[in-house]
N, C-alpha and C. Protein backbone atom coordinates (compact mmCIF):
# COMPACT_ATOMS: atom_id res chain seq x y z
N MET A 1 122.50 68.09 -162.88
CA MET A 1 123.31 67.63 -162.02
C MET A 1 122.49 67.43 -160.29
N THR A 2 123.34 66.57 -159.62
CA THR A 2 122.28 66.16 -158.56
C THR A 2 122.79 66.90 -157.23
N GLU A 3 122.07 67.47 -156.56
CA GLU A 3 122.33 68.37 -155.56
C GLU A 3 123.06 67.80 -154.43
N GLN A 4 124.07 68.22 -153.78
CA GLN A 4 124.82 67.52 -152.78
C GLN A 4 124.25 67.88 -151.69
N PRO A 5 124.09 66.79 -150.74
CA PRO A 5 123.46 67.08 -149.39
C PRO A 5 124.13 67.95 -148.41
N ILE A 6 123.30 68.61 -147.90
CA ILE A 6 124.18 69.57 -146.78
C ILE A 6 124.52 68.75 -145.47
N LEU A 7 124.09 68.01 -145.27
CA LEU A 7 124.41 66.93 -144.23
C LEU A 7 124.16 65.22 -144.57
N LYS A 8 125.25 64.74 -144.37
CA LYS A 8 125.26 63.14 -144.69
C LYS A 8 125.85 62.34 -143.56
N ALA A 9 124.97 61.48 -142.82
CA ALA A 9 125.49 60.55 -142.06
C ALA A 9 125.52 59.02 -142.45
N GLU A 10 126.79 58.37 -142.24
CA GLU A 10 126.81 56.83 -142.63
C GLU A 10 127.02 56.05 -141.49
N ASN A 11 126.22 55.08 -140.97
CA ASN A 11 126.36 54.21 -140.26
C ASN A 11 126.89 54.54 -138.94
N LEU A 12 126.09 55.41 -138.22
CA LEU A 12 126.44 56.17 -137.07
C LEU A 12 125.94 54.90 -135.66
N GLN A 13 126.87 54.95 -134.94
CA GLN A 13 126.68 53.89 -133.86
C GLN A 13 127.06 54.53 -132.69
N ARG A 14 126.52 54.28 -131.36
CA ARG A 14 126.51 54.99 -130.35
C ARG A 14 126.28 54.21 -129.01
N SER A 15 126.86 53.75 -128.14
CA SER A 15 126.44 53.14 -126.96
C SER A 15 127.02 53.91 -125.66
N PHE A 16 126.25 53.82 -124.66
CA PHE A 16 126.78 54.11 -123.32
C PHE A 16 126.74 52.63 -122.47
N GLY A 17 128.05 52.54 -122.22
CA GLY A 17 128.12 51.19 -121.56
C GLY A 17 127.63 49.73 -122.42
N SER A 18 126.86 49.03 -121.85
CA SER A 18 126.14 48.03 -122.62
C SER A 18 125.07 48.41 -123.52
N LEU A 19 124.75 49.66 -123.19
CA LEU A 19 123.14 50.13 -124.02
C LEU A 19 123.45 50.76 -125.26
N LYS A 20 122.96 49.93 -126.38
CA LYS A 20 123.20 50.71 -127.73
C LYS A 20 122.07 51.37 -127.95
N VAL A 21 122.61 52.92 -128.25
CA VAL A 21 121.52 53.73 -128.35
C VAL A 21 121.27 54.22 -129.83
N LEU A 22 122.71 53.83 -130.57
CA LEU A 22 122.23 54.30 -132.18
C LEU A 22 122.96 52.87 -132.82
N ASN A 23 122.08 52.27 -133.62
CA ASN A 23 122.34 51.29 -133.98
C ASN A 23 122.56 51.22 -135.96
N GLY A 24 123.29 52.13 -136.18
CA GLY A 24 123.80 52.08 -137.63
C GLY A 24 122.70 53.25 -138.44
N VAL A 25 122.94 54.37 -138.22
CA VAL A 25 122.02 55.47 -138.63
C VAL A 25 122.66 55.98 -139.81
N ASN A 26 121.66 55.85 -140.89
CA ASN A 26 122.13 56.70 -142.09
C ASN A 26 121.12 57.70 -142.33
N LEU A 27 121.81 59.03 -142.99
CA LEU A 27 120.46 60.03 -143.09
C LEU A 27 121.32 60.95 -144.22
N SER A 28 120.39 61.47 -144.96
CA SER A 28 120.95 62.51 -146.22
C SER A 28 119.84 63.51 -145.92
N VAL A 29 120.45 64.73 -145.59
CA VAL A 29 119.57 65.97 -145.81
C VAL A 29 119.76 66.98 -146.88
N LYS A 30 118.90 67.57 -147.52
CA LYS A 30 119.25 68.64 -148.58
C LYS A 30 119.33 69.94 -148.24
N PRO A 31 119.76 70.74 -149.01
CA PRO A 31 119.53 72.20 -148.42
C PRO A 31 118.33 72.71 -148.48
N ALA A 32 117.92 73.40 -147.54
CA ALA A 32 116.72 74.22 -147.32
C ALA A 32 115.76 73.21 -147.21
N GLU A 33 116.11 71.95 -146.57
CA GLU A 33 114.85 70.88 -146.33
C GLU A 33 114.79 71.16 -144.89
N VAL A 34 113.38 70.79 -144.40
CA VAL A 34 112.99 70.60 -142.95
C VAL A 34 112.57 69.21 -142.71
N VAL A 35 113.42 68.66 -142.05
CA VAL A 35 113.26 67.19 -141.49
C VAL A 35 112.97 67.07 -140.00
N SER A 36 112.10 66.46 -139.71
CA SER A 36 111.62 65.99 -138.33
C SER A 36 111.93 64.53 -138.08
N ILE A 37 112.27 64.41 -136.82
CA ILE A 37 112.57 63.16 -136.34
C ILE A 37 111.76 62.90 -135.12
N SER A 38 110.84 61.97 -135.15
CA SER A 38 110.17 61.48 -134.12
C SER A 38 110.37 59.89 -133.61
N GLY A 39 109.70 59.56 -132.61
CA GLY A 39 109.76 58.23 -131.95
C GLY A 39 109.30 58.18 -130.63
N ARG A 40 109.40 57.11 -130.09
CA ARG A 40 109.24 57.08 -128.61
C ARG A 40 110.29 57.38 -127.79
N SER A 41 110.03 57.80 -126.45
CA SER A 41 111.29 58.16 -125.51
C SER A 41 112.24 56.99 -125.58
N GLY A 42 113.46 57.07 -125.71
CA GLY A 42 114.58 56.20 -125.51
C GLY A 42 115.09 55.49 -126.92
N ALA A 43 114.11 56.10 -128.00
CA ALA A 43 114.56 55.52 -129.26
C ALA A 43 115.98 56.05 -130.05
N GLY A 44 116.24 57.03 -129.23
CA GLY A 44 117.82 57.61 -129.72
C GLY A 44 117.88 59.17 -130.48
N LYS A 45 116.74 59.39 -130.27
CA LYS A 45 116.29 60.99 -131.07
C LYS A 45 117.33 61.96 -130.83
N SER A 46 117.54 62.31 -129.41
CA SER A 46 118.34 63.20 -129.02
C SER A 46 119.65 62.97 -129.08
N THR A 47 120.14 61.55 -128.88
CA THR A 47 121.51 60.95 -128.92
C THR A 47 122.03 61.50 -130.41
N LEU A 48 121.18 61.17 -131.29
CA LEU A 48 121.49 61.44 -132.69
C LEU A 48 121.48 62.76 -132.98
N LEU A 49 120.59 63.78 -132.45
CA LEU A 49 120.49 65.11 -133.00
C LEU A 49 121.98 65.75 -132.20
N HIS A 50 122.25 65.20 -131.03
CA HIS A 50 123.61 65.76 -130.35
C HIS A 50 125.07 65.19 -131.15
N ILE A 51 124.56 64.13 -131.84
CA ILE A 51 125.94 63.72 -132.57
C ILE A 51 126.08 64.51 -133.78
N LEU A 52 124.75 64.50 -134.60
CA LEU A 52 124.71 65.14 -135.85
C LEU A 52 124.95 66.68 -135.69
N GLY A 53 124.69 67.29 -134.66
CA GLY A 53 125.09 68.85 -134.06
C GLY A 53 126.42 68.85 -133.63
N THR A 54 127.16 67.96 -133.54
CA THR A 54 128.79 67.74 -132.86
C THR A 54 128.81 68.01 -131.56
N LEU A 55 127.79 67.90 -130.74
CA LEU A 55 127.87 68.11 -129.34
C LEU A 55 128.39 66.76 -128.54
N ASP A 56 128.52 65.78 -129.37
CA ASP A 56 128.81 64.41 -128.98
C ASP A 56 129.45 63.66 -130.05
N ARG A 57 129.97 62.82 -129.90
CA ARG A 57 130.71 62.08 -131.09
C ARG A 57 130.15 60.77 -131.03
N ALA A 58 130.07 59.97 -132.22
CA ALA A 58 129.65 58.78 -132.49
C ALA A 58 130.84 57.79 -131.87
N ASP A 59 130.74 56.69 -131.79
CA ASP A 59 131.46 55.30 -131.57
C ASP A 59 132.13 54.92 -132.89
N SER A 60 131.31 55.16 -134.01
CA SER A 60 131.81 54.77 -135.26
C SER A 60 130.89 55.31 -136.27
N GLY A 61 131.18 55.37 -137.47
CA GLY A 61 130.58 56.01 -138.59
C GLY A 61 131.10 57.22 -138.96
N LYS A 62 130.55 57.60 -140.14
CA LYS A 62 130.91 59.11 -140.70
C LYS A 62 129.91 60.05 -140.70
N LEU A 63 130.36 61.35 -140.47
CA LEU A 63 129.26 62.61 -140.74
C LEU A 63 130.18 63.71 -141.38
N TRP A 64 129.30 64.17 -142.42
CA TRP A 64 129.69 65.07 -143.39
C TRP A 64 128.47 66.36 -143.40
N ILE A 65 129.03 67.59 -143.09
CA ILE A 65 128.33 68.72 -142.68
C ILE A 65 128.64 70.11 -143.88
N ASP A 66 128.04 70.38 -144.89
CA ASP A 66 128.18 71.33 -145.38
C ASP A 66 129.90 71.07 -146.22
N GLY A 67 130.03 69.96 -146.70
CA GLY A 67 131.08 69.71 -147.29
C GLY A 67 132.46 69.19 -146.41
N GLN A 68 132.17 69.16 -145.13
CA GLN A 68 133.28 68.97 -144.43
C GLN A 68 132.99 67.64 -143.51
N GLU A 69 133.95 66.72 -143.55
CA GLU A 69 133.89 65.48 -142.88
C GLU A 69 134.19 65.77 -141.32
N ILE A 70 133.41 65.74 -140.73
CA ILE A 70 133.25 66.07 -139.22
C ILE A 70 133.91 65.33 -138.50
N THR A 71 133.78 63.93 -138.63
CA THR A 71 134.27 62.85 -137.94
C THR A 71 136.05 63.09 -137.94
N ARG A 72 136.66 63.69 -138.83
CA ARG A 72 138.07 63.72 -139.14
C ARG A 72 138.49 65.15 -138.21
N LEU A 73 137.55 65.90 -137.49
CA LEU A 73 138.27 67.24 -136.68
C LEU A 73 138.56 66.66 -135.55
N ASN A 74 139.38 67.43 -134.92
CA ASN A 74 139.82 67.37 -133.53
C ASN A 74 138.94 68.17 -132.91
N ASP A 75 138.77 68.16 -131.46
CA ASP A 75 138.05 69.13 -130.68
C ASP A 75 138.00 70.25 -130.93
N GLY A 76 139.07 70.81 -131.17
CA GLY A 76 139.20 72.33 -131.25
C GLY A 76 138.56 72.71 -132.57
N HIS A 77 138.95 72.30 -133.74
CA HIS A 77 138.35 72.44 -134.94
C HIS A 77 136.79 72.39 -134.90
N MET A 78 136.38 71.23 -134.42
CA MET A 78 134.96 70.68 -134.02
C MET A 78 134.26 71.96 -133.43
N SER A 79 134.67 72.56 -132.48
CA SER A 79 134.07 73.45 -131.53
C SER A 79 133.88 74.95 -132.39
N ARG A 80 135.13 75.24 -133.34
CA ARG A 80 135.03 76.35 -134.48
C ARG A 80 133.86 76.08 -135.34
N PHE A 81 133.72 74.94 -135.90
CA PHE A 81 132.74 74.63 -136.72
C PHE A 81 131.58 74.85 -136.30
N ARG A 82 131.12 74.24 -134.89
CA ARG A 82 130.01 74.11 -134.58
C ARG A 82 129.48 75.86 -134.11
N ASN A 83 130.57 76.45 -133.89
CA ASN A 83 130.18 77.85 -133.64
C ASN A 83 129.77 78.84 -135.11
N GLN A 84 130.47 78.46 -136.23
CA GLN A 84 130.32 79.18 -137.04
C GLN A 84 129.50 78.70 -138.19
N ARG A 85 129.21 77.32 -138.23
CA ARG A 85 128.29 76.82 -139.42
C ARG A 85 127.16 76.14 -138.77
N LEU A 86 126.70 75.97 -137.44
CA LEU A 86 125.57 75.16 -136.76
C LEU A 86 124.98 76.19 -135.97
N GLY A 87 123.62 75.84 -135.91
CA GLY A 87 122.83 76.63 -134.69
C GLY A 87 121.79 75.66 -134.31
N PHE A 88 121.40 76.10 -132.71
CA PHE A 88 120.84 75.31 -132.00
C PHE A 88 119.48 75.73 -131.15
N VAL A 89 118.56 75.09 -131.17
CA VAL A 89 117.28 75.63 -130.37
C VAL A 89 116.84 74.61 -129.94
N PHE A 90 116.78 74.79 -128.23
CA PHE A 90 116.30 73.69 -127.75
C PHE A 90 114.81 73.90 -126.93
N GLN A 91 114.58 72.98 -126.02
CA GLN A 91 113.12 73.21 -125.44
C GLN A 91 113.05 74.43 -124.76
N PHE A 92 114.00 74.59 -123.86
CA PHE A 92 114.22 75.70 -123.08
C PHE A 92 115.17 76.57 -123.64
N HIS A 93 114.69 78.01 -123.57
CA HIS A 93 115.51 78.99 -124.55
C HIS A 93 116.91 78.97 -124.11
N HIS A 94 117.31 79.02 -122.88
CA HIS A 94 118.79 79.13 -122.50
C HIS A 94 119.39 80.62 -122.80
N LEU A 95 118.52 81.46 -122.65
CA LEU A 95 118.88 82.78 -122.61
C LEU A 95 119.54 83.44 -121.47
N LEU A 96 120.59 84.06 -121.46
CA LEU A 96 121.28 84.57 -120.46
C LEU A 96 120.65 85.60 -119.73
N PRO A 97 120.08 85.53 -118.48
CA PRO A 97 119.15 86.54 -118.10
C PRO A 97 119.71 87.90 -117.91
N GLU A 98 120.95 88.09 -117.69
CA GLU A 98 121.37 89.52 -117.41
C GLU A 98 121.74 90.17 -118.63
N PHE A 99 121.46 89.56 -119.82
CA PHE A 99 121.70 90.35 -120.86
C PHE A 99 120.22 90.42 -121.65
N THR A 100 120.38 91.57 -122.78
CA THR A 100 119.25 91.95 -123.44
C THR A 100 119.14 90.90 -124.71
N ALA A 101 117.82 90.81 -125.47
CA ALA A 101 117.65 90.21 -126.57
C ALA A 101 118.88 90.24 -127.32
N LEU A 102 119.24 91.46 -127.59
CA LEU A 102 120.12 91.85 -128.60
C LEU A 102 121.42 91.23 -128.32
N GLU A 103 121.97 91.50 -127.16
CA GLU A 103 122.92 90.92 -126.65
C GLU A 103 123.25 89.39 -126.45
N ASN A 104 122.27 88.78 -126.39
CA ASN A 104 121.84 87.26 -126.26
C ASN A 104 122.19 86.89 -128.02
N ILE A 105 121.62 87.54 -128.81
CA ILE A 105 121.93 87.27 -130.20
C ILE A 105 123.30 87.34 -130.72
N GLY A 106 123.87 88.31 -130.26
CA GLY A 106 125.46 88.80 -130.53
C GLY A 106 126.28 87.60 -129.81
N ILE A 107 126.17 86.74 -128.82
CA ILE A 107 127.01 85.79 -127.97
C ILE A 107 128.02 85.01 -129.29
N PRO A 108 126.99 84.24 -130.22
CA PRO A 108 127.62 83.54 -131.10
C PRO A 108 128.73 84.26 -131.95
N MET A 109 128.11 85.37 -132.46
CA MET A 109 129.26 86.18 -133.37
C MET A 109 130.27 86.79 -132.87
N MET A 110 130.07 87.02 -131.55
CA MET A 110 131.34 87.60 -130.44
C MET A 110 132.22 86.42 -130.41
N ILE A 111 131.77 85.35 -130.41
CA ILE A 111 132.80 84.20 -130.08
C ILE A 111 133.42 83.72 -131.50
N ALA A 112 132.95 84.01 -132.62
CA ALA A 112 133.36 83.88 -133.83
C ALA A 112 134.39 85.29 -134.47
N GLY A 113 134.33 86.21 -133.24
CA GLY A 113 135.38 87.18 -133.52
C GLY A 113 134.98 88.36 -134.68
N LYS A 114 133.62 88.55 -134.70
CA LYS A 114 132.89 89.73 -135.39
C LYS A 114 133.01 90.89 -134.82
N SER A 115 133.19 92.00 -135.59
CA SER A 115 133.18 93.35 -134.88
C SER A 115 132.03 93.49 -134.29
N SER A 116 131.93 94.34 -133.41
CA SER A 116 130.85 94.91 -132.62
C SER A 116 129.77 95.53 -133.58
N SER A 117 130.16 96.37 -134.51
CA SER A 117 129.24 96.82 -135.47
C SER A 117 128.39 96.09 -136.21
N LYS A 118 129.14 94.88 -136.61
CA LYS A 118 128.59 93.69 -137.49
C LYS A 118 127.53 92.79 -136.64
N VAL A 119 127.97 92.81 -135.22
CA VAL A 119 127.22 91.83 -134.25
C VAL A 119 125.91 92.55 -133.99
N GLU A 120 125.84 93.75 -134.06
CA GLU A 120 124.99 94.86 -133.80
C GLU A 120 124.06 94.83 -135.05
N SER A 121 124.51 94.94 -135.90
CA SER A 121 123.73 95.27 -137.13
C SER A 121 123.06 93.94 -137.71
N ARG A 122 123.65 92.55 -137.41
CA ARG A 122 123.02 91.54 -137.73
C ARG A 122 121.95 91.04 -136.79
N GLY A 123 122.46 91.40 -135.46
CA GLY A 123 121.40 91.40 -134.44
C GLY A 123 120.10 91.95 -134.37
N ILE A 124 120.23 93.21 -134.87
CA ILE A 124 118.86 93.99 -135.13
C ILE A 124 118.10 93.46 -136.29
N GLU A 125 118.96 92.88 -137.55
CA GLU A 125 118.31 92.59 -138.50
C GLU A 125 117.56 91.20 -138.42
N LEU A 126 118.20 90.34 -137.40
CA LEU A 126 117.62 89.01 -136.97
C LEU A 126 116.14 89.34 -136.22
N LEU A 127 116.21 90.25 -135.21
CA LEU A 127 115.23 90.81 -134.29
C LEU A 127 113.69 91.27 -135.20
N LYS A 128 114.26 92.06 -136.34
CA LYS A 128 112.96 92.29 -137.22
C LYS A 128 112.78 91.50 -137.90
N LEU A 129 113.49 90.27 -138.35
CA LEU A 129 112.87 89.12 -139.12
C LEU A 129 111.98 88.32 -137.96
N MET A 130 112.40 88.46 -136.80
CA MET A 130 111.32 87.79 -135.69
C MET A 130 110.21 88.42 -135.59
N ASP A 131 110.16 89.78 -135.97
CA ASP A 131 109.11 90.65 -135.58
C ASP A 131 109.28 91.10 -133.99
N LEU A 132 110.55 91.11 -133.82
CA LEU A 132 110.58 91.64 -132.38
C LEU A 132 111.93 92.68 -132.17
N GLY A 133 111.81 93.75 -133.23
CA GLY A 133 112.66 94.96 -133.40
C GLY A 133 112.53 95.72 -132.25
N HIS A 134 111.15 95.85 -131.59
CA HIS A 134 110.90 96.70 -130.58
C HIS A 134 111.35 96.14 -129.28
N ARG A 135 111.99 95.03 -129.30
CA ARG A 135 111.93 94.30 -127.96
C ARG A 135 113.56 94.08 -127.82
N ALA A 136 114.67 94.95 -128.77
CA ALA A 136 115.91 94.51 -128.67
C ALA A 136 116.58 94.61 -127.30
N HIS A 137 116.11 95.69 -126.64
CA HIS A 137 116.85 96.04 -125.25
C HIS A 137 115.99 95.60 -124.07
N HIS A 138 115.20 94.44 -124.26
CA HIS A 138 114.63 93.79 -123.06
C HIS A 138 115.29 92.43 -122.65
N LYS A 139 115.41 92.31 -121.39
CA LYS A 139 116.10 91.22 -120.97
C LYS A 139 115.08 89.97 -120.79
N PRO A 140 115.50 88.80 -120.74
CA PRO A 140 114.48 87.71 -121.16
C PRO A 140 113.02 87.73 -120.16
N ASP A 141 113.50 88.28 -118.86
CA ASP A 141 112.18 88.26 -117.77
C ASP A 141 111.02 89.13 -118.19
N ALA A 142 111.40 90.05 -119.20
CA ALA A 142 110.45 90.87 -119.69
C ALA A 142 109.88 90.59 -120.87
N LEU A 143 110.04 89.12 -121.23
CA LEU A 143 109.78 88.87 -122.73
C LEU A 143 108.64 87.54 -122.42
N SER A 144 107.58 87.33 -123.34
CA SER A 144 106.77 86.31 -123.07
C SER A 144 107.52 84.91 -123.38
N GLY A 145 106.97 83.88 -123.28
CA GLY A 145 107.86 82.60 -123.74
C GLY A 145 107.93 82.44 -125.26
N GLY A 146 107.06 82.60 -126.07
CA GLY A 146 107.09 82.86 -127.37
C GLY A 146 108.25 83.62 -127.90
N GLU A 147 108.25 85.20 -127.17
CA GLU A 147 109.14 86.02 -127.42
C GLU A 147 110.66 85.14 -127.27
N GLN A 148 110.89 84.65 -126.02
CA GLN A 148 112.31 84.34 -125.72
C GLN A 148 112.65 83.16 -126.73
N GLN A 149 111.60 82.26 -127.14
CA GLN A 149 112.10 81.45 -127.88
C GLN A 149 112.28 81.92 -129.40
N ARG A 150 111.75 82.86 -129.94
CA ARG A 150 112.32 83.47 -131.03
C ARG A 150 113.61 84.15 -131.08
N VAL A 151 113.93 84.72 -129.80
CA VAL A 151 115.16 85.48 -129.65
C VAL A 151 116.06 84.09 -129.67
N ALA A 152 115.60 82.93 -129.30
CA ALA A 152 116.76 81.87 -129.25
C ALA A 152 116.96 81.37 -130.67
N VAL A 153 115.85 81.46 -131.58
CA VAL A 153 115.85 81.28 -132.81
C VAL A 153 116.82 82.08 -133.60
N ALA A 154 116.58 83.31 -133.22
CA ALA A 154 117.54 84.20 -133.89
C ALA A 154 119.04 84.10 -133.67
N ARG A 155 119.42 83.88 -132.29
CA ARG A 155 120.48 83.31 -131.94
C ARG A 155 121.10 82.27 -132.77
N ALA A 156 120.46 81.24 -132.89
CA ALA A 156 120.70 80.29 -133.79
C ALA A 156 121.24 80.46 -135.06
N LEU A 157 120.49 81.60 -135.80
CA LEU A 157 120.94 82.11 -137.22
C LEU A 157 121.78 82.95 -137.18
N ALA A 158 122.44 83.26 -135.93
CA ALA A 158 123.48 84.42 -136.04
C ALA A 158 124.51 84.27 -137.04
N ASN A 159 125.16 83.45 -137.24
CA ASN A 159 126.53 82.99 -138.01
C ASN A 159 125.98 82.31 -139.28
N SER A 160 124.47 82.45 -139.65
CA SER A 160 124.13 82.23 -141.11
C SER A 160 124.74 80.43 -141.14
N PRO A 161 124.04 79.86 -140.03
CA PRO A 161 124.63 78.23 -140.17
C PRO A 161 124.13 77.46 -141.34
N ALA A 162 124.97 76.50 -141.41
CA ALA A 162 124.36 75.56 -142.86
C ALA A 162 123.02 74.89 -142.17
N VAL A 163 123.22 74.43 -140.88
CA VAL A 163 121.75 73.45 -140.59
C VAL A 163 121.47 74.40 -138.97
N VAL A 164 120.36 74.17 -138.73
CA VAL A 164 119.67 74.47 -137.39
C VAL A 164 119.37 73.07 -136.94
N PHE A 165 119.82 72.89 -135.85
CA PHE A 165 119.04 71.35 -135.04
C PHE A 165 118.29 72.35 -134.02
N ALA A 166 117.00 71.69 -133.68
CA ALA A 166 116.08 72.06 -132.94
C ALA A 166 115.56 70.78 -131.90
N ASP A 167 115.50 70.75 -130.93
CA ASP A 167 115.27 69.60 -129.81
C ASP A 167 114.16 69.83 -129.23
N GLU A 168 113.07 69.40 -129.78
CA GLU A 168 111.68 69.82 -129.07
C GLU A 168 111.49 70.97 -128.66
N PRO A 169 111.76 72.07 -129.69
CA PRO A 169 111.72 73.51 -129.73
C PRO A 169 110.35 74.14 -129.21
N SER A 170 109.06 73.28 -129.33
CA SER A 170 107.93 73.85 -128.78
C SER A 170 107.29 73.13 -127.60
N GLY A 171 108.49 72.34 -126.85
CA GLY A 171 107.96 71.45 -126.10
C GLY A 171 107.41 72.32 -124.74
N ASN A 172 107.79 73.34 -124.48
CA ASN A 172 107.40 74.15 -123.29
C ASN A 172 106.68 75.35 -123.81
N LEU A 173 105.92 75.52 -124.91
CA LEU A 173 105.03 76.46 -125.35
C LEU A 173 103.62 76.04 -125.46
N ASP A 174 102.65 77.12 -124.90
CA ASP A 174 101.18 76.59 -125.55
C ASP A 174 100.98 76.36 -126.78
N ALA A 175 99.81 75.82 -127.12
CA ALA A 175 99.52 75.22 -128.48
C ALA A 175 99.41 76.27 -129.50
N GLN A 176 98.91 77.57 -129.40
CA GLN A 176 98.97 78.46 -130.10
C GLN A 176 100.48 79.26 -130.40
N THR A 177 100.89 79.21 -129.42
CA THR A 177 102.58 79.84 -129.60
C THR A 177 103.42 78.70 -130.08
N ALA A 178 103.17 77.57 -129.98
CA ALA A 178 103.82 76.49 -130.53
C ALA A 178 103.57 76.54 -132.05
N ALA A 179 102.39 76.82 -132.65
CA ALA A 179 102.33 76.56 -133.94
C ALA A 179 102.71 77.83 -134.56
N GLN A 180 102.78 79.08 -133.88
CA GLN A 180 103.56 80.33 -134.37
C GLN A 180 104.87 79.88 -134.81
N LEU A 181 105.48 79.25 -133.76
CA LEU A 181 106.84 78.86 -133.75
C LEU A 181 107.07 77.60 -135.04
N HIS A 182 106.21 76.86 -135.25
CA HIS A 182 106.39 76.16 -136.29
C HIS A 182 106.27 76.76 -137.73
N ALA A 183 105.58 77.53 -137.88
CA ALA A 183 105.37 78.59 -139.18
C ALA A 183 106.55 79.01 -139.28
N LEU A 184 106.95 79.48 -138.07
CA LEU A 184 108.45 80.53 -138.24
C LEU A 184 109.63 79.78 -138.79
N PHE A 185 109.52 78.51 -138.62
CA PHE A 185 110.95 77.60 -139.26
C PHE A 185 110.62 77.58 -140.86
N PHE A 186 109.39 77.46 -141.44
CA PHE A 186 109.08 77.42 -142.66
C PHE A 186 109.20 78.70 -143.21
N GLU A 187 108.88 79.59 -142.56
CA GLU A 187 109.08 81.28 -143.41
C GLU A 187 110.50 81.26 -143.14
N LEU A 188 111.46 80.84 -142.42
CA LEU A 188 112.84 81.15 -142.55
C LEU A 188 113.41 80.15 -143.41
N ARG A 189 112.71 79.29 -143.80
CA ARG A 189 113.32 78.28 -144.67
C ARG A 189 113.08 78.90 -146.23
N GLU A 190 112.14 79.59 -146.43
CA GLU A 190 111.52 80.23 -147.59
C GLU A 190 112.38 81.66 -147.71
N LYS A 191 112.69 82.34 -146.83
CA LYS A 191 113.24 83.73 -146.94
C LYS A 191 114.80 83.60 -146.87
N LEU A 192 115.42 82.50 -146.12
CA LEU A 192 116.92 82.38 -146.10
C LEU A 192 117.39 81.29 -146.76
N GLY A 193 116.44 80.25 -147.16
CA GLY A 193 116.95 78.85 -147.57
C GLY A 193 117.65 77.88 -146.48
N GLN A 194 117.13 78.22 -145.16
CA GLN A 194 117.59 77.63 -144.04
C GLN A 194 117.25 76.14 -143.68
N THR A 195 118.23 75.39 -143.56
CA THR A 195 118.02 74.03 -143.25
C THR A 195 117.78 73.50 -141.92
N PHE A 196 116.63 72.63 -141.66
CA PHE A 196 116.13 72.58 -140.23
C PHE A 196 116.08 71.02 -140.16
N ILE A 197 116.87 70.63 -139.00
CA ILE A 197 116.52 69.15 -138.28
C ILE A 197 115.92 69.19 -136.85
N VAL A 198 114.87 68.70 -136.82
CA VAL A 198 113.95 68.93 -135.46
C VAL A 198 113.54 67.60 -135.03
N VAL A 199 113.94 67.30 -133.59
CA VAL A 199 113.58 66.23 -132.98
C VAL A 199 112.24 66.75 -132.21
N THR A 200 111.19 65.90 -132.45
CA THR A 200 109.75 66.38 -131.86
C THR A 200 108.74 65.32 -131.43
N HIS A 201 107.93 65.58 -130.60
CA HIS A 201 106.66 64.90 -130.21
C HIS A 201 105.63 65.58 -130.69
N ASN A 202 105.73 66.74 -131.39
CA ASN A 202 104.36 67.39 -131.84
C ASN A 202 104.10 66.90 -133.17
N VAL A 203 102.95 66.13 -133.19
CA VAL A 203 102.59 65.63 -134.26
C VAL A 203 102.17 66.77 -135.46
N GLU A 204 101.90 67.80 -134.94
CA GLU A 204 101.47 68.78 -136.22
C GLU A 204 102.73 69.16 -137.01
N LEU A 205 103.99 69.46 -136.07
CA LEU A 205 105.14 69.86 -136.49
C LEU A 205 105.75 68.59 -137.28
N ALA A 206 105.69 67.41 -136.82
CA ALA A 206 106.07 66.44 -137.77
C ALA A 206 105.57 66.13 -139.21
N GLY A 207 104.30 66.70 -138.89
CA GLY A 207 103.43 66.52 -140.23
C GLY A 207 103.89 67.54 -141.26
N MET A 208 104.10 68.74 -140.91
CA MET A 208 104.54 69.87 -141.77
C MET A 208 105.76 69.65 -142.33
N ALA A 209 106.77 68.88 -141.97
CA ALA A 209 108.09 68.94 -142.38
C ALA A 209 108.00 68.17 -143.68
N ASP A 210 109.15 68.37 -144.46
CA ASP A 210 109.21 67.80 -145.84
C ASP A 210 109.39 66.35 -145.67
N ARG A 211 110.14 65.87 -144.54
CA ARG A 211 110.14 64.35 -144.41
C ARG A 211 110.11 64.22 -142.99
N ASN A 212 109.30 63.34 -142.59
CA ASN A 212 109.25 62.94 -140.97
C ASN A 212 109.89 61.63 -140.95
N LEU A 213 110.91 61.56 -140.05
CA LEU A 213 111.73 60.39 -140.21
C LEU A 213 111.35 59.77 -138.71
N THR A 214 110.97 58.65 -138.62
CA THR A 214 110.85 57.90 -137.14
C THR A 214 112.11 56.95 -136.84
N MET A 215 112.36 57.07 -135.42
CA MET A 215 113.37 56.36 -135.04
C MET A 215 112.56 55.23 -134.09
N VAL A 216 113.40 53.84 -134.35
CA VAL A 216 112.86 52.80 -133.41
C VAL A 216 113.98 52.17 -133.01
N GLU A 217 114.38 52.09 -131.78
CA GLU A 217 115.52 51.10 -131.17
C GLU A 217 116.90 51.34 -131.99
N GLY A 218 117.04 53.02 -132.08
CA GLY A 218 118.29 53.54 -132.44
C GLY A 218 118.48 53.43 -134.00
N GLN A 219 117.42 53.18 -134.66
CA GLN A 219 117.46 53.11 -136.10
C GLN A 219 116.54 54.00 -136.92
N ILE A 220 116.64 54.51 -137.87
CA ILE A 220 115.75 55.26 -138.85
C ILE A 220 114.98 54.25 -139.54
N VAL A 221 113.60 53.97 -139.25
CA VAL A 221 112.98 52.97 -140.23
C VAL A 221 111.98 53.36 -141.06
N ASN A 222 111.98 54.99 -141.54
CA ASN A 222 111.63 55.14 -142.70
C ASN A 222 112.27 56.29 -143.31
């Protein structure tokens, strides 16, 4: 039996005024696959990631994630789907400074309506997975850049998402810390069966991926 894709996009188009940014993108991603998307600035990488992650809508085309046709959802249903089935890691960790690592990880679960006991137990489980169990009650300004980004990864995993989208996740890290973050993605794929779609300029990370897709002028060319 052929394995069903966890994500499938057909003929995605997106323009901003007269500027065409996506020009018919087709993409299929298997469960537990790590896919990198690279290309020059302005090629459409981040726009594509935002549409795949439901942070923006395509002008036309279709998108399925985890068996759900996303392009049919209204804004409310899309927001719930995003919270419950998708995870995000950005170049800057976007942790809330007034909350501890554990509390930051718990925010997506609280939004999803999970009990405080489940939020805490899942948060501790994820911090241990990130080798940060001893940092649970530290606020972001007490954490190193690499630790902050690992907390952000844990937050992305909080609701056991179908796909984690990462936009230049190591762009703000030094070379050694970036390499550790890259290795973490593949460790999580092995331990959790997690699917990752990563936009990156980092040649090392792109080369580690199961597939490295290149975008040129709004299209995937390989």
